[in-house]
Each structure stands twice: as structure tokens, then as C-alpha cells.
Amino acid sequence: METLKHAQDLIKADPSICAGFNQFINGNSTPKRTDYGSAEQWSLETRGFEYAQKMAKEDGIAFKHRFKCDKSGCFP
């Protein structure tokens, strides 16, 4: 079985953007502003999370874990 690929395998970006990307890959929920001391850190991680989410919608990445579905689509 092939291993799960993370940001470092798929994109070249700021480490904070990669962290947000990996949060999506690992099935975490959207980063919440209240969880961050820095608005910039939250913004960068959210960008990475949303980028991975977009790739999933466009079949650019695949997952091996279960997804939850709602009106906007299926996500971890």
C-alpha cells in the first residue's frame, strides 16, 4: 500500500501553509482563529487547508480515511 502524501511531497510553500495543508490531509477541522495567537499564522494555515480542500474537490489528491459529507461536499 502506498503511504499517505503530505505537503512536503506535493507542494512547495511557506511552512505555515504546509501545516494547514497537512491538517486537512490528516482529517483535522478548519483552523479556527481563536486557536492562534497570531492572525498571520492562522491566515497562512487556513490558506494551506483551503488549498488542500480545493485539490480534494478537483481530484488532485486522494485519502485513505473516511469523509464526512454535507451540502458543500465531502471532507475529513
C-alpha atoms as a PDB file:
ATOM      1  CA  MET A   1       0.000   0.000   0.000  1.00  0.00           C
ATOM      2  CA  GLU A   2       1.269   3.455  -0.867  1.00  0.00           C
ATOM      3  CA  THR A   3       1.874   5.839   2.023  1.00  0.00           C
ATOM      4  CA  LEU A   4      -0.195   8.968   2.543  1.00  0.00           C
ATOM      5  CA  LYS A   5       1.432  12.006   0.935  1.00  0.00           C
ATOM      6  CA  HIS A   6       1.709  15.280   2.830  1.00  0.00           C
ATOM      7  CA  ALA A   7       2.503  18.871   1.903  1.00  0.00           C
ATOM      8  CA  GLN A   8       6.251  18.292   1.653  1.00  0.00           C
ATOM      9  CA  ASP A   9       5.531  15.647  -1.020  1.00  0.00           C
ATOM     10  CA  LEU A  10       3.014  17.671  -3.020  1.00  0.00           C
ATOM     11  CA  ILE A  11       3.607  21.429  -2.804  1.00  0.00           C
ATOM     12  CA  LYS A  12       6.343  23.988  -2.266  1.00  0.00           C
ATOM     13  CA  ALA A  13       5.113  26.686   0.088  1.00  0.00           C
ATOM     14  CA  ASP A  14       5.655  28.528   3.352  1.00  0.00           C
ATOM     15  CA  PRO A  15       5.903  26.093   6.301  1.00  0.00           C
ATOM     16  CA  SER A  16       2.708  27.539   7.812  1.00  0.00           C
ATOM     17  CA  ILE A  17       0.798  26.928   4.577  1.00  0.00           C
ATOM     18  CA  CYS A  18       2.161  23.367   4.556  1.00  0.00           C
ATOM     19  CA  ALA A  19       0.981  22.926   8.155  1.00  0.00           C
ATOM     20  CA  GLY A  20      -2.557  23.904   7.172  1.00  0.00           C
ATOM     21  CA  PHE A  21      -2.404  21.618   4.129  1.00  0.00           C
ATOM     22  CA  ASN A  22      -1.357  18.728   6.373  1.00  0.00           C
ATOM     23  CA  GLN A  23      -4.172  19.497   8.811  1.00  0.00           C
ATOM     24  CA  PHE A  24      -6.637  18.768   6.013  1.00  0.00           C
ATOM     25  CA  ILE A  25      -4.751  15.670   4.867  1.00  0.00           C
ATOM     26  CA  ASN A  26      -4.797  14.298   8.420  1.00  0.00           C
ATOM     27  CA  GLY A  27      -8.546  14.868   8.809  1.00  0.00           C
ATOM     28  CA  ASN A  28      -8.469  17.847  11.160  1.00  0.00           C
ATOM     29  CA  SER A  29     -11.141  20.536  11.077  1.00  0.00           C
ATOM     30  CA  THR A  30     -10.709  24.015   9.593  1.00  0.00           C
ATOM     31  CA  PRO A  31      -8.239  26.150  11.588  1.00  0.00           C
ATOM     32  CA  LYS A  32     -10.126  28.460  13.981  1.00  0.00           C
ATOM     33  CA  ARG A  33      -8.904  31.994  14.550  1.00  0.00           C
ATOM     34  CA  THR A  34      -9.334  31.670  18.320  1.00  0.00           C
ATOM     35  CA  ASP A  35      -6.759  28.846  18.412  1.00  0.00           C
ATOM     36  CA  TYR A  36      -3.938  31.136  17.225  1.00  0.00           C
ATOM     37  CA  GLY A  37      -2.109  33.978  18.926  1.00  0.00           C
ATOM     38  CA  SER A  38      -1.122  35.417  15.547  1.00  0.00           C
ATOM     39  CA  ALA A  39      -3.646  36.377  12.872  1.00  0.00           C
ATOM     40  CA  GLU A  40      -0.923  35.915  10.252  1.00  0.00           C
ATOM     41  CA  GLN A  41      -0.213  32.331  11.371  1.00  0.00           C
ATOM     42  CA  TRP A  42      -3.931  31.496  11.307  1.00  0.00           C
ATOM     43  CA  SER A  43      -4.311  33.097   7.865  1.00  0.00           C
ATOM     44  CA  LEU A  44      -1.416  31.132   6.360  1.00  0.00           C
ATOM     45  CA  GLU A  45      -2.562  27.808   7.806  1.00  0.00           C
ATOM     46  CA  THR A  46      -6.113  28.481   6.623  1.00  0.00           C
ATOM     47  CA  ARG A  47      -4.780  29.125   3.106  1.00  0.00           C
ATOM     48  CA  GLY A  48      -2.981  25.775   3.158  1.00  0.00           C
ATOM     49  CA  PHE A  49      -6.063  23.996   4.499  1.00  0.00           C
ATOM     50  CA  GLU A  50      -8.287  25.538   1.821  1.00  0.00           C
ATOM     51  CA  TYR A  51      -5.770  24.689  -0.904  1.00  0.00           C
ATOM     52  CA  ALA A  52      -5.803  21.008   0.093  1.00  0.00           C
ATOM     53  CA  GLN A  53      -9.595  21.134   0.272  1.00  0.00           C
ATOM     54  CA  LYS A  54      -9.705  22.534  -3.266  1.00  0.00           C
ATOM     55  CA  MET A  55      -7.313  19.841  -4.505  1.00  0.00           C
ATOM     56  CA  ALA A  56      -9.551  17.167  -2.973  1.00  0.00           C
ATOM     57  CA  LYS A  57     -12.629  18.604  -4.701  1.00  0.00           C
ATOM     58  CA  GLU A  58     -10.811  18.608  -8.027  1.00  0.00           C
ATOM     59  CA  ASP A  59      -9.492  15.035  -7.572  1.00  0.00           C
ATOM     60  CA  GLY A  60      -5.921  16.297  -7.242  1.00  0.00           C
ATOM     61  CA  ILE A  61      -5.347  14.341  -4.028  1.00  0.00           C
ATOM     62  CA  ALA A  62      -6.890  11.219  -2.546  1.00  0.00           C
ATOM     63  CA  PHE A  63      -7.310   9.965   1.011  1.00  0.00           C
ATOM     64  CA  LYS A  64      -7.457   6.658   2.785  1.00  0.00           C
ATOM     65  CA  HIS A  65      -9.659   7.753   5.694  1.00  0.00           C
ATOM     66  CA  ARG A  66     -13.420   8.248   5.887  1.00  0.00           C
ATOM     67  CA  PHE A  67     -15.056  11.510   4.927  1.00  0.00           C
ATOM     68  CA  LYS A  68     -17.976  13.402   6.377  1.00  0.00           C
ATOM     69  CA  CYS A  69     -20.356  14.815   3.793  1.00  0.00           C
ATOM     70  CA  ASP A  70     -22.555  17.876   3.864  1.00  0.00           C
ATOM     71  CA  LYS A  71     -24.146  20.165   1.279  1.00  0.00           C
ATOM     72  CA  SER A  72     -20.765  21.603   0.219  1.00  0.00           C
ATOM     73  CA  GLY A  73     -19.101  18.233  -0.361  1.00  0.00           C
ATOM     74  CA  CYS A  74     -17.232  15.500   1.467  1.00  0.00           C
ATOM     75  CA  PHE A  75     -14.256  16.292   3.663  1.00  0.00           C
ATOM     76  CA  PRO A  76     -12.357  14.729   6.544  1.00  0.00           C
END
